[in-house]
């Protein structure tokens, strides 16, 4: 059983910063990547940022210069530092863990709300 627990969401003004964290626990053998996705009301869930086990990062184009994803492999945690937040960043943010051993499988957190006021 694997659990993901997210924290760090909240309400912030335009231009502000937030740091999201996600801690994975349970029977985790080999992580391929971890990442953050978000879903705004009435929209599809979209990729925000991912980081692989060799620290290769991927970002949604609109957040590239403002967000930074990082991980702590020893603690199985992933964080997302979000700077210069905009109202369009408002969404529920979900952490995802993708493992590739002993099988390929993905786990999702319960989500944390980020609201950016204008």
PDB file of N, CA and C in Angstrom:
ATOM      1  N   UNK A   1       0.847  -1.192   0.000  1.00  0.00           N
ATOM      2  CA  UNK A   1       0.000   0.000   0.000  1.00  0.00           C
ATOM      3  C   UNK A   1       0.884   1.243   0.000  1.00  0.00           C
ATOM      4  N   UNK A   2       0.601   2.139  -0.922  1.00  0.00           N
ATOM      5  CA  UNK A   2       1.358   3.389  -1.024  1.00  0.00           C
ATOM      6  C   UNK A   2       0.413   4.551  -0.767  1.00  0.00           C
ATOM      7  N   UNK A   3       0.882   5.491   0.014  1.00  0.00           N
ATOM      8  CA  UNK A   3       0.088   6.688   0.280  1.00  0.00           C
ATOM      9  C   UNK A   3       0.881   7.933  -0.071  1.00  0.00           C
ATOM     10  N   UNK A   4       0.188   8.919  -0.610  1.00  0.00           N
ATOM     11  CA  UNK A   4       0.777  10.218  -0.902  1.00  0.00           C
ATOM     12  C   UNK A   4       0.036  11.260  -0.089  1.00  0.00           C
ATOM     13  N   UNK A   5       0.780  12.064   0.623  1.00  0.00           N
ATOM     14  CA  UNK A   5       0.172  13.113   1.434  1.00  0.00           C
ATOM     15  C   UNK A   5       0.732  14.455   0.996  1.00  0.00           C
ATOM     16  N   UNK A   6      -0.158  15.303   0.525  1.00  0.00           N
ATOM     17  CA  UNK A   6       0.237  16.626   0.045  1.00  0.00           C
ATOM     18  C   UNK A   6      -0.006  17.677   1.109  1.00  0.00           C
ATOM     19  N   UNK A   7       0.752  18.733   1.017  1.00  0.00           N
ATOM     20  CA  UNK A   7       0.567  19.859   1.936  1.00  0.00           C
ATOM     21  C   UNK A   7       1.077  21.125   1.269  1.00  0.00           C
ATOM     22  N   UNK A   8       0.670  22.266   1.818  1.00  0.00           N
ATOM     23  CA  UNK A   8       1.226  23.529   1.368  1.00  0.00           C
ATOM     24  C   UNK A   8       0.315  24.399   0.530  1.00  0.00           C
ATOM     25  N   UNK A   9      -0.866  23.914   0.198  1.00  0.00           N
ATOM     26  CA  UNK A   9      -1.769  24.753  -0.576  1.00  0.00           C
ATOM     27  C   UNK A   9      -2.330  25.887   0.263  1.00  0.00           C
ATOM     28  N   UNK A  10      -3.063  26.778  -0.391  1.00  0.00           N
ATOM     29  CA  UNK A  10      -3.665  27.868   0.350  1.00  0.00           C
ATOM     30  C   UNK A  10      -4.076  29.004  -0.555  1.00  0.00           C
ATOM     31  N   UNK A  11      -4.359  30.136   0.071  1.00  0.00           N
ATOM     32  CA  UNK A  11      -4.781  31.345  -0.639  1.00  0.00           C
ATOM     33  C   UNK A  11      -3.631  32.341  -0.637  1.00  0.00           C
ATOM     34  N   UNK A  12      -3.341  32.879  -1.804  1.00  0.00           N
ATOM     35  CA  UNK A  12      -2.241  33.825  -1.938  1.00  0.00           C
ATOM     36  C   UNK A  12      -2.624  34.899  -2.946  1.00  0.00           C
ATOM     37  N   UNK A  13      -2.048  36.063  -2.810  1.00  0.00           N
ATOM     38  CA  UNK A  13      -2.322  37.139  -3.758  1.00  0.00           C
ATOM     39  C   UNK A  13      -1.459  36.988  -5.004  1.00  0.00           C
ATOM     40  N   UNK A  14      -1.894  37.612  -6.075  1.00  0.00           N
ATOM     41  CA  UNK A  14      -1.119  37.616  -7.307  1.00  0.00           C
ATOM     42  C   UNK A  14       0.297  38.093  -7.028  1.00  0.00           C
ATOM     43  N   UNK A  15       1.261  37.332  -7.569  1.00  0.00           N
ATOM     44  CA  UNK A  15       2.660  37.664  -7.346  1.00  0.00           C
ATOM     45  C   UNK A  15       3.274  36.966  -6.157  1.00  0.00           C
ATOM     46  N   UNK A  16       2.458  36.316  -5.365  1.00  0.00           N
ATOM     47  CA  UNK A  16       2.950  35.634  -4.177  1.00  0.00           C
ATOM     48  C   UNK A  16       3.552  34.274  -4.482  1.00  0.00           C
ATOM     49  N   UNK A  17       3.955  33.598  -3.427  1.00  0.00           N
ATOM     50  CA  UNK A  17       4.610  32.303  -3.561  1.00  0.00           C
ATOM     51  C   UNK A  17       3.977  31.274  -2.631  1.00  0.00           C
ATOM     52  N   UNK A  18       4.047  30.034  -3.054  1.00  0.00           N
ATOM     53  CA  UNK A  18       3.641  28.906  -2.235  1.00  0.00           C
ATOM     54  C   UNK A  18       4.585  27.755  -2.512  1.00  0.00           C
ATOM     55  N   UNK A  19       4.720  26.889  -1.523  1.00  0.00           N
ATOM     56  CA  UNK A  19       5.518  25.681  -1.708  1.00  0.00           C
ATOM     57  C   UNK A  19       4.653  24.480  -1.360  1.00  0.00           C
ATOM     58  N   UNK A  20       4.474  23.617  -2.356  1.00  0.00           N
ATOM     59  CA  UNK A  20       3.732  22.372  -2.150  1.00  0.00           C
ATOM     60  C   UNK A  20       4.712  21.243  -1.862  1.00  0.00           C
ATOM     61  N   UNK A  21       4.297  20.359  -0.987  1.00  0.00           N
ATOM     62  CA  UNK A  21       5.111  19.191  -0.682  1.00  0.00           C
ATOM     63  C   UNK A  21       4.257  17.935  -0.750  1.00  0.00           C
ATOM     64  N   UNK A  22       4.900  16.848  -1.114  1.00  0.00           N
ATOM     65  CA  UNK A  22       4.213  15.555  -1.203  1.00  0.00           C
ATOM     66  C   UNK A  22       5.137  14.488  -0.650  1.00  0.00           C
ATOM     67  N   UNK A  23       4.638  13.756   0.328  1.00  0.00           N
ATOM     68  CA  UNK A  23       5.421  12.687   0.936  1.00  0.00           C
ATOM     69  C   UNK A  23       4.792  11.342   0.599  1.00  0.00           C
ATOM     70  N   UNK A  24       5.604  10.460   0.057  1.00  0.00           N
ATOM     71  CA  UNK A  24       5.141   9.121  -0.285  1.00  0.00           C
ATOM     72  C   UNK A  24       5.597   8.130   0.774  1.00  0.00           C
ATOM     73  N   UNK A  25       4.709   7.240   1.154  1.00  0.00           N
ATOM     74  CA  UNK A  25       5.060   6.227   2.141  1.00  0.00           C
ATOM     75  C   UNK A  25       4.459   4.892   1.747  1.00  0.00           C
ATOM     76  N   UNK A  26       5.014   3.828   2.334  1.00  0.00           N
ATOM     77  CA  UNK A  26       4.511   2.496   2.036  1.00  0.00           C
ATOM     78  C   UNK A  26       5.552   1.668   1.303  1.00  0.00           C
ATOM     79  N   UNK A  27       5.075   0.661   0.598  1.00  0.00           N
ATOM     80  CA  UNK A  27       5.963  -0.268  -0.106  1.00  0.00           C
ATOM     81  C   UNK A  27       6.371   0.311  -1.456  1.00  0.00           C
ATOM     82  N   UNK A  28       7.432   1.091  -1.429  1.00  0.00           N
ATOM     83  CA  UNK A  28       7.927   1.743  -2.653  1.00  0.00           C
ATOM     84  C   UNK A  28       9.280   1.154  -2.992  1.00  0.00           C
ATOM     85  N   UNK A  29       9.348   0.455  -4.134  1.00  0.00           N
ATOM     86  CA  UNK A  29      10.588  -0.220  -4.492  1.00  0.00           C
ATOM     87  C   UNK A  29      11.451   0.623  -5.421  1.00  0.00           C
ATOM     88  N   UNK A  30      10.864   1.132  -6.473  1.00  0.00           N
ATOM     89  CA  UNK A  30      11.647   1.929  -7.411  1.00  0.00           C
ATOM     90  C   UNK A  30      10.762   2.984  -8.056  1.00  0.00           C
ATOM     91  N   UNK A  31      11.125   4.237  -7.822  1.00  0.00           N
ATOM     92  CA  UNK A  31      10.370   5.353  -8.381  1.00  0.00           C
ATOM     93  C   UNK A  31      10.940   5.720  -9.741  1.00  0.00           C
ATOM     94  N   UNK A  32      10.075   5.815 -10.725  1.00  0.00           N
ATOM     95  CA  UNK A  32      10.510   6.284 -12.041  1.00  0.00           C
ATOM     96  C   UNK A  32      10.446   7.809 -12.094  1.00  0.00           C
ATOM     97  N   UNK A  33       9.335   8.344 -11.649  1.00  0.00           N
ATOM     98  CA  UNK A  33       9.227   9.791 -11.561  1.00  0.00           C
ATOM     99  C   UNK A  33       8.144  10.199 -10.586  1.00  0.00           C
ATOM    100  N   UNK A  34       8.190  11.439 -10.179  1.00  0.00           N
ATOM    101  CA  UNK A  34       7.151  12.040  -9.353  1.00  0.00           C
ATOM    102  C   UNK A  34       6.799  13.373  -9.994  1.00  0.00           C
ATOM    103  N   UNK A  35       5.596  13.815  -9.749  1.00  0.00           N
ATOM    104  CA  UNK A  35       5.222  15.057 -10.389  1.00  0.00           C
ATOM    105  C   UNK A  35       3.999  15.709  -9.795  1.00  0.00           C
ATOM    106  N   UNK A  36       3.705  16.862 -10.349  1.00  0.00           N
ATOM    107  CA  UNK A  36       2.548  17.635  -9.928  1.00  0.00           C
ATOM    108  C   UNK A  36       1.653  17.899 -11.138  1.00  0.00           C
ATOM    109  N   UNK A  37       0.375  17.715 -10.929  1.00  0.00           N
ATOM    110  CA  UNK A  37      -0.634  18.004 -11.923  1.00  0.00           C
ATOM    111  C   UNK A  37      -1.645  18.943 -11.271  1.00  0.00           C
ATOM    112  N   UNK A  38      -2.435  19.596 -12.096  1.00  0.00           N
ATOM    113  CA  UNK A  38      -3.462  20.464 -11.532  1.00  0.00           C
ATOM    114  C   UNK A  38      -4.746  20.385 -12.360  1.00  0.00           C
ATOM    115  N   UNK A  39      -5.827  20.691 -11.673  1.00  0.00           N
ATOM    116  CA  UNK A  39      -7.127  20.672 -12.342  1.00  0.00           C
ATOM    117  C   UNK A  39      -7.955  21.839 -11.835  1.00  0.00           C
ATOM    118  N   UNK A  40      -8.335  22.694 -12.765  1.00  0.00           N
ATOM    119  CA  UNK A  40      -9.211  23.819 -12.447  1.00  0.00           C
ATOM    120  C   UNK A  40     -10.650  23.399 -12.715  1.00  0.00           C
ATOM    121  N   UNK A  41     -11.608  24.046 -12.079  1.00  0.00           N
ATOM    122  CA  UNK A  41     -13.016  23.687 -12.290  1.00  0.00           C
ATOM    123  C   UNK A  41     -13.394  23.738 -13.762  1.00  0.00           C
ATOM    124  N   UNK A  42     -14.012  22.675 -14.244  1.00  0.00           N
ATOM    125  CA  UNK A  42     -14.458  22.616 -15.625  1.00  0.00           C
ATOM    126  C   UNK A  42     -13.369  22.332 -16.636  1.00  0.00           C
ATOM    127  N   UNK A  43     -12.162  22.065 -16.152  1.00  0.00           N
ATOM    128  CA  UNK A  43     -11.048  21.799 -17.070  1.00  0.00           C
ATOM    129  C   UNK A  43     -10.449  20.426 -16.809  1.00  0.00           C
ATOM    130  N   UNK A  44      -9.696  19.948 -17.777  1.00  0.00           N
ATOM    131  CA  UNK A  44      -9.029  18.669 -17.616  1.00  0.00           C
ATOM    132  C   UNK A  44      -7.793  18.810 -16.744  1.00  0.00           C
ATOM    133  N   UNK A  45      -7.433  17.703 -16.127  1.00  0.00           N
ATOM    134  CA  UNK A  45      -6.214  17.693 -15.342  1.00  0.00           C
ATOM    135  C   UNK A  45      -5.019  17.848 -16.288  1.00  0.00           C
ATOM    136  N   UNK A  46      -4.042  18.649 -15.880  1.00  0.00           N
ATOM    137  CA  UNK A  46      -2.893  18.902 -16.741  1.00  0.00           C
ATOM    138  C   UNK A  46      -1.590  18.776 -15.961  1.00  0.00           C
ATOM    139  N   UNK A  47      -0.554  18.432 -16.700  1.00  0.00           N
ATOM    140  CA  UNK A  47       0.767  18.307 -16.106  1.00  0.00           C
ATOM    141  C   UNK A  47       1.314  19.693 -15.782  1.00  0.00           C
ATOM    142  N   UNK A  48       1.897  19.815 -14.594  1.00  0.00           N
ATOM    143  CA  UNK A  48       2.554  21.057 -14.205  1.00  0.00           C
ATOM    144  C   UNK A  48       4.070  20.869 -14.258  1.00  0.00           C
ATOM    145  N   UNK A  49       4.550  19.833 -13.585  1.00  0.00           N
ATOM    146  CA  UNK A  49       5.987  19.567 -13.558  1.00  0.00           C
ATOM    147  C   UNK A  49       6.228  18.134 -13.113  1.00  0.00           C
ATOM    148  N   UNK A  50       7.287  17.535 -13.658  1.00  0.00           N
ATOM    149  CA  UNK A  50       7.685  16.202 -13.225  1.00  0.00           C
ATOM    150  C   UNK A  50       9.194  16.172 -13.035  1.00  0.00           C
ATOM    151  N   UNK A  51       9.636  15.211 -12.235  1.00  0.00           N
ATOM    152  CA  UNK A  51      11.068  15.002 -12.036  1.00  0.00           C
ATOM    153  C   UNK A  51      11.317  13.503 -11.993  1.00  0.00           C
ATOM    154  N   UNK A  52      12.306  13.052 -12.752  1.00  0.00           N
ATOM    155  CA  UNK A  52      12.619  11.630 -12.815  1.00  0.00           C
ATOM    156  C   UNK A  52      13.651  11.244 -11.757  1.00  0.00           C
ATOM    157  N   UNK A  53      13.929   9.946 -11.668  1.00  0.00           N
ATOM    158  CA  UNK A  53      14.887   9.477 -10.669  1.00  0.00           C
ATOM    159  C   UNK A  53      16.313   9.932 -10.980  1.00  0.00           C
ATOM    160  N   UNK A  54      16.556  10.356 -12.219  1.00  0.00           N
ATOM    161  CA  UNK A  54      17.882  10.922 -12.517  1.00  0.00           C
ATOM    162  C   UNK A  54      17.819  12.450 -12.572  1.00  0.00           C
ATOM    163  N   UNK A  55      16.750  13.002 -11.990  1.00  0.00           N
ATOM    164  CA  UNK A  55      16.586  14.448 -11.817  1.00  0.00           C
ATOM    165  C   UNK A  55      16.336  15.224 -13.110  1.00  0.00           C
ATOM    166  N   UNK A  56      15.843  14.545 -14.119  1.00  0.00           N
ATOM    167  CA  UNK A  56      15.402  15.250 -15.317  1.00  0.00           C
ATOM    168  C   UNK A  56      14.040  15.863 -15.032  1.00  0.00           C
ATOM    169  N   UNK A  57      13.898  17.146 -15.347  1.00  0.00           N
ATOM    170  CA  UNK A  57      12.647  17.842 -15.051  1.00  0.00           C
ATOM    171  C   UNK A  57      11.905  18.221 -16.331  1.00  0.00           C
ATOM    172  N   UNK A  58      10.601  18.288 -16.205  1.00  0.00           N
ATOM    173  CA  UNK A  58       9.721  18.718 -17.281  1.00  0.00           C
ATOM    174  C   UNK A  58       8.729  19.693 -16.695  1.00  0.00           C
ATOM    175  N   UNK A  59       8.438  20.757 -17.431  1.00  0.00           N
ATOM    176  CA  UNK A  59       7.507  21.767 -16.947  1.00  0.00           C
ATOM    177  C   UNK A  59       6.479  22.114 -18.020  1.00  0.00           C
ATOM    178  N   UNK A  60       5.298  22.457 -17.565  1.00  0.00           N
ATOM    179  CA  UNK A  60       4.326  23.102 -18.438  1.00  0.00           C
ATOM    180  C   UNK A  60       4.927  24.433 -18.855  1.00  0.00           C
ATOM    181  N   UNK A  61       4.763  24.777 -20.109  1.00  0.00           N
ATOM    182  CA  UNK A  61       5.428  25.962 -20.654  1.00  0.00           C
ATOM    183  C   UNK A  61       5.127  27.224 -19.855  1.00  0.00           C
ATOM    184  N   UNK A  62       3.892  27.385 -19.443  1.00  0.00           N
ATOM    185  CA  UNK A  62       3.493  28.629 -18.779  1.00  0.00           C
ATOM    186  C   UNK A  62       4.035  28.774 -17.356  1.00  0.00           C
ATOM    187  N   UNK A  63       4.624  27.720 -16.806  1.00  0.00           N
ATOM    188  CA  UNK A  63       5.153  27.823 -15.437  1.00  0.00           C
ATOM    189  C   UNK A  63       6.673  27.715 -15.392  1.00  0.00           C
ATOM    190  N   UNK A  64       7.285  27.489 -16.533  1.00  0.00           N
ATOM    191  CA  UNK A  64       8.727  27.205 -16.584  1.00  0.00           C
ATOM    192  C   UNK A  64       9.588  28.186 -15.814  1.00  0.00           C
ATOM    193  N   UNK A  65       9.372  29.440 -15.960  1.00  0.00           N
ATOM    194  CA  UNK A  65      10.250  30.433 -15.341  1.00  0.00           C
ATOM    195  C   UNK A  65       9.817  30.782 -13.923  1.00  0.00           C
ATOM    196  N   UNK A  66       8.704  30.174 -13.456  1.00  0.00           N
ATOM    197  CA  UNK A  66       8.161  30.573 -12.161  1.00  0.00           C
ATOM    198  C   UNK A  66       8.144  29.437 -11.134  1.00  0.00           C
ATOM    199  N   UNK A  67       8.048  28.205 -11.594  1.00  0.00           N
ATOM    200  CA  UNK A  67       7.937  27.055 -10.691  1.00  0.00           C
ATOM    201  C   UNK A  67       9.216  26.235 -10.729  1.00  0.00           C
ATOM    202  N   UNK A  68       9.534  25.630  -9.599  1.00  0.00           N
ATOM    203  CA  UNK A  68      10.686  24.736  -9.522  1.00  0.00           C
ATOM    204  C   UNK A  68      10.293  23.463  -8.783  1.00  0.00           C
ATOM    205  N   UNK A  69      10.525  22.334  -9.436  1.00  0.00           N
ATOM    206  CA  UNK A  69      10.246  21.049  -8.809  1.00  0.00           C
ATOM    207  C   UNK A  69      11.549  20.463  -8.287  1.00  0.00           C
ATOM    208  N   UNK A  70      11.463  19.811  -7.139  1.00  0.00           N
ATOM    209  CA  UNK A  70      12.648  19.179  -6.561  1.00  0.00           C
ATOM    210  C   UNK A  70      12.208  17.932  -5.801  1.00  0.00           C
ATOM    211  N   UNK A  71      13.165  17.084  -5.499  1.00  0.00           N
ATOM    212  CA  UNK A  71      12.827  15.856  -4.783  1.00  0.00           C
ATOM    213  C   UNK A  71      13.902  15.529  -3.764  1.00  0.00           C
ATOM    214  N   UNK A  72      13.496  14.716  -2.789  1.00  0.00           N
ATOM    215  CA  UNK A  72      14.430  14.159  -1.814  1.00  0.00           C
ATOM    216  C   UNK A  72      14.261  12.649  -1.920  1.00  0.00           C
ATOM    217  N   UNK A  73      15.190  12.003  -2.580  1.00  0.00           N
ATOM    218  CA  UNK A  73      15.049  10.573  -2.840  1.00  0.00           C
ATOM    219  C   UNK A  73      15.110   9.755  -1.561  1.00  0.00           C
ATOM    220  N   UNK A  74      15.831  10.241  -0.573  1.00  0.00           N
ATOM    221  CA  UNK A  74      15.951   9.503   0.688  1.00  0.00           C
ATOM    222  C   UNK A  74      14.631   9.474   1.446  1.00  0.00           C
ATOM    223  N   UNK A  75      13.847  10.536   1.288  1.00  0.00           N
ATOM    224  CA  UNK A  75      12.574  10.638   2.006  1.00  0.00           C
ATOM    225  C   UNK A  75      11.370  10.373   1.118  1.00  0.00           C
ATOM    226  N   UNK A  76      11.597  10.121  -0.158  1.00  0.00           N
ATOM    227  CA  UNK A  76      10.501   9.925  -1.114  1.00  0.00           C
ATOM    228  C   UNK A  76       9.524  11.101  -1.093  1.00  0.00           C
ATOM    229  N   UNK A  77      10.074  12.283  -1.173  1.00  0.00           N
ATOM    230  CA  UNK A  77       9.238  13.482  -1.210  1.00  0.00           C
ATOM    231  C   UNK A  77       9.519  14.282  -2.483  1.00  0.00           C
ATOM    232  N   UNK A  78       8.527  15.013  -2.893  1.00  0.00           N
ATOM    233  CA  UNK A  78       8.671  15.917  -4.031  1.00  0.00           C
ATOM    234  C   UNK A  78       8.026  17.243  -3.647  1.00  0.00           C
ATOM    235  N   UNK A  79       8.666  18.322  -4.045  1.00  0.00           N
ATOM    236  CA  UNK A  79       8.168  19.654  -3.713  1.00  0.00           C
ATOM    237  C   UNK A  79       8.021  20.492  -4.972  1.00  0.00           C
ATOM    238  N   UNK A  80       7.158  21.473  -4.878  1.00  0.00           N
ATOM    239  CA  UNK A  80       6.961  22.394  -5.989  1.00  0.00           C
ATOM    240  C   UNK A  80       6.957  23.806  -5.411  1.00  0.00           C
ATOM    241  N   UNK A  81       7.983  24.562  -5.731  1.00  0.00           N
ATOM    242  CA  UNK A  81       8.058  25.957  -5.320  1.00  0.00           C
ATOM    243  C   UNK A  81       7.433  26.802  -6.422  1.00  0.00           C
ATOM    244  N   UNK A  82       6.403  27.537  -6.043  1.00  0.00           N
ATOM    245  CA  UNK A  82       5.669  28.328  -7.035  1.00  0.00           C
ATOM    246  C   UNK A  82       5.839  29.805  -6.716  1.00  0.00           C
ATOM    247  N   UNK A  83       6.488  30.514  -7.607  1.00  0.00           N
ATOM    248  CA  UNK A  83       6.695  31.958  -7.456  1.00  0.00           C
ATOM    249  C   UNK A  83       5.871  32.721  -8.480  1.00  0.00           C
ATOM    250  N   UNK A  84       5.721  34.001  -8.236  1.00  0.00           N
ATOM    251  CA  UNK A  84       5.008  34.885  -9.177  1.00  0.00           C
ATOM    252  C   UNK A  84       3.672  34.293  -9.584  1.00  0.00           C
ATOM    253  N   UNK A  85       2.913  33.858  -8.619  1.00  0.00           N
ATOM    254  CA  UNK A  85       1.647  33.192  -8.908  1.00  0.00           C
ATOM    255  C   UNK A  85       0.648  34.127  -9.564  1.00  0.00           C
ATOM    256  N   UNK A  86      -0.149  33.550 -10.440  1.00  0.00           N
ATOM    257  CA  UNK A  86      -1.159  34.279 -11.194  1.00  0.00           C
ATOM    258  C   UNK A  86      -2.530  33.669 -10.931  1.00  0.00           C
ATOM    259  N   UNK A  87      -3.592  34.446 -11.133  1.00  0.00           N
ATOM    260  CA  UNK A  87      -4.938  33.881 -10.936  1.00  0.00           C
ATOM    261  C   UNK A  87      -5.172  32.612 -11.758  1.00  0.00           C
ATOM    262  N   UNK A  88      -4.578  32.526 -12.925  1.00  0.00           N
ATOM    263  CA  UNK A  88      -4.763  31.327 -13.758  1.00  0.00           C
ATOM    264  C   UNK A  88      -4.065  30.090 -13.206  1.00  0.00           C
ATOM    265  N   UNK A  89      -3.273  30.254 -12.169  1.00  0.00           N
ATOM    266  CA  UNK A  89      -2.672  29.099 -11.493  1.00  0.00           C
ATOM    267  C   UNK A  89      -3.631  28.479 -10.476  1.00  0.00           C
ATOM    268  N   UNK A  90      -4.751  29.118 -10.254  1.00  0.00           N
ATOM    269  CA  UNK A  90      -5.738  28.597  -9.312  1.00  0.00           C
ATOM    270  C   UNK A  90      -6.253  27.245  -9.771  1.00  0.00           C
ATOM    271  N   UNK A  91      -6.133  26.247  -8.897  1.00  0.00           N
ATOM    272  CA  UNK A  91      -6.545  24.885  -9.232  1.00  0.00           C
ATOM    273  C   UNK A  91      -6.320  23.990  -8.022  1.00  0.00           C
ATOM    274  N   UNK A  92      -6.804  22.778  -8.152  1.00  0.00           N
ATOM    275  CA  UNK A  92      -6.424  21.752  -7.193  1.00  0.00           C
ATOM    276  C   UNK A  92      -5.180  21.070  -7.741  1.00  0.00           C
ATOM    277  N   UNK A  93      -4.151  20.986  -6.919  1.00  0.00           N
ATOM    278  CA  UNK A  93      -2.884  20.410  -7.336  1.00  0.00           C
ATOM    279  C   UNK A  93      -2.750  19.001  -6.765  1.00  0.00           C
ATOM    280  N   UNK A  94      -2.393  18.079  -7.652  1.00  0.00           N
ATOM    281  CA  UNK A  94      -2.278  16.676  -7.285  1.00  0.00           C
ATOM    282  C   UNK A  94      -0.840  16.192  -7.467  1.00  0.00           C
ATOM    283  N   UNK A  95      -0.397  15.429  -6.518  1.00  0.00           N
ATOM    284  CA  UNK A  95       0.908  14.789  -6.594  1.00  0.00           C
ATOM    285  C   UNK A  95       0.741  13.407  -7.232  1.00  0.00           C
ATOM    286  N   UNK A  96       1.666  13.024  -8.078  1.00  0.00           N
ATOM    287  CA  UNK A  96       1.638  11.699  -8.682  1.00  0.00           C
ATOM    288  C   UNK A  96       2.985  11.018  -8.521  1.00  0.00           C
ATOM    289  N   UNK A  97       2.912   9.748  -8.191  1.00  0.00           N
ATOM    290  CA  UNK A  97       4.101   8.914  -8.063  1.00  0.00           C
ATOM    291  C   UNK A  97       4.001   7.794  -9.080  1.00  0.00           C
ATOM    292  N   UNK A  98       5.036   7.607  -9.883  1.00  0.00           N
ATOM    293  CA  UNK A  98       5.041   6.542 -10.888  1.00  0.00           C
ATOM    294  C   UNK A  98       6.194   5.600 -10.578  1.00  0.00           C
ATOM    295  N   UNK A  99       5.831   4.334 -10.346  1.00  0.00           N
ATOM    296  CA  UNK A  99       6.867   3.344 -10.072  1.00  0.00           C
ATOM    297  C   UNK A  99       7.000   2.400 -11.260  1.00  0.00           C
ATOM    298  N   UNK A 100       8.197   1.793 -11.419  1.00  0.00           N
ATOM    299  CA  UNK A 100       8.365   0.839 -12.514  1.00  0.00           C
ATOM    300  C   UNK A 100       8.904  -0.505 -12.045  1.00  0.00           C
ATOM    301  N   UNK A 101       8.891  -0.727 -10.743  1.00  0.00           N
ATOM    302  CA  UNK A 101       9.260  -2.029 -10.196  1.00  0.00           C
ATOM    303  C   UNK A 101       8.612  -2.191  -8.834  1.00  0.00           C
ATOM    304  N   UNK A 102       7.972  -3.333  -8.536  1.00  0.00           N
ATOM    305  CA  UNK A 102       7.968  -4.562  -9.341  1.00  0.00           C
ATOM    306  C   UNK A 102       6.982  -4.549 -10.498  1.00  0.00           C
ATOM    307  N   UNK A 103       6.226  -3.505 -10.616  1.00  0.00           N
ATOM    308  CA  UNK A 103       5.319  -3.349 -11.742  1.00  0.00           C
ATOM    309  C   UNK A 103       5.194  -1.873 -12.026  1.00  0.00           C
ATOM    310  N   UNK A 104       4.666  -1.552 -13.191  1.00  0.00           N
ATOM    311  CA  UNK A 104       4.451  -0.159 -13.533  1.00  0.00           C
ATOM    312  C   UNK A 104       3.099   0.257 -12.982  1.00  0.00           C
ATOM    313  N   UNK A 105       3.127   1.313 -12.193  1.00  0.00           N
ATOM    314  CA  UNK A 105       1.873   1.743 -11.565  1.00  0.00           C
ATOM    315  C   UNK A 105       2.007   3.189 -11.148  1.00  0.00           C
ATOM    316  N   UNK A 106       0.876   3.871 -11.143  1.00  0.00           N
ATOM    317  CA  UNK A 106       0.898   5.255 -10.686  1.00  0.00           C
ATOM    318  C   UNK A 106      -0.048   5.453  -9.515  1.00  0.00           C
ATOM    319  N   UNK A 107       0.370   6.301  -8.610  1.00  0.00           N
ATOM    320  CA  UNK A 107      -0.407   6.632  -7.417  1.00  0.00           C
ATOM    321  C   UNK A 107      -0.653   8.131  -7.409  1.00  0.00           C
ATOM    322  N   UNK A 108      -1.808   8.509  -6.877  1.00  0.00           N
ATOM    323  CA  UNK A 108      -2.189   9.912  -6.827  1.00  0.00           C
ATOM    324  C   UNK A 108      -2.487  10.329  -5.391  1.00  0.00           C
ATOM    325  N   UNK A 109      -2.158  11.570  -5.101  1.00  0.00           N
ATOM    326  CA  UNK A 109      -2.546  12.141  -3.825  1.00  0.00           C
ATOM    327  C   UNK A 109      -3.983  12.636  -3.881  1.00  0.00           C
ATOM    328  N   UNK A 110      -4.446  13.145  -2.757  1.00  0.00           N
ATOM    329  CA  UNK A 110      -5.844  13.559  -2.661  1.00  0.00           C
ATOM    330  C   UNK A 110      -6.070  14.968  -3.193  1.00  0.00           C
ATOM    331  N   UNK A 111      -4.995  15.699  -3.408  1.00  0.00           N
ATOM    332  CA  UNK A 111      -5.090  17.047  -3.948  1.00  0.00           C
ATOM    333  C   UNK A 111      -5.036  18.115  -2.870  1.00  0.00           C
ATOM    334  N   UNK A 112      -4.479  19.259  -3.240  1.00  0.00           N
ATOM    335  CA  UNK A 112      -4.431  20.405  -2.336  1.00  0.00           C
ATOM    336  C   UNK A 112      -4.809  21.652  -3.137  1.00  0.00           C
ATOM    337  N   UNK A 113      -5.631  22.477  -2.554  1.00  0.00           N
ATOM    338  CA  UNK A 113      -6.169  23.630  -3.272  1.00  0.00           C
ATOM    339  C   UNK A 113      -5.204  24.807  -3.228  1.00  0.00           C
ATOM    340  N   UNK A 114      -4.992  25.390  -4.401  1.00  0.00           N
ATOM    341  CA  UNK A 114      -4.221  26.628  -4.519  1.00  0.00           C
ATOM    342  C   UNK A 114      -5.138  27.675  -5.138  1.00  0.00           C
ATOM    343  N   UNK A 115      -5.305  28.779  -4.442  1.00  0.00           N
ATOM    344  CA  UNK A 115      -6.146  29.860  -4.928  1.00  0.00           C
ATOM    345  C   UNK A 115      -5.329  31.143  -4.958  1.00  0.00           C
ATOM    346  N   UNK A 116      -5.287  31.757  -6.138  1.00  0.00           N
ATOM    347  CA  UNK A 116      -4.541  33.002  -6.304  1.00  0.00           C
ATOM    348  C   UNK A 116      -5.544  34.114  -6.568  1.00  0.00           C
ATOM    349  N   UNK A 117      -5.582  35.079  -5.681  1.00  0.00           N
ATOM    350  CA  UNK A 117      -6.538  36.180  -5.824  1.00  0.00           C
ATOM    351  C   UNK A 117      -5.902  37.325  -6.605  1.00  0.00           C
ATOM    352  N   UNK A 118      -6.756  37.992  -7.359  1.00  0.00           N
ATOM    353  CA  UNK A 118      -6.259  39.100  -8.186  1.00  0.00           C
ATOM    354  C   UNK A 118      -6.345  40.423  -7.452  1.00  0.00           C
TER     355      UNK A 118
END
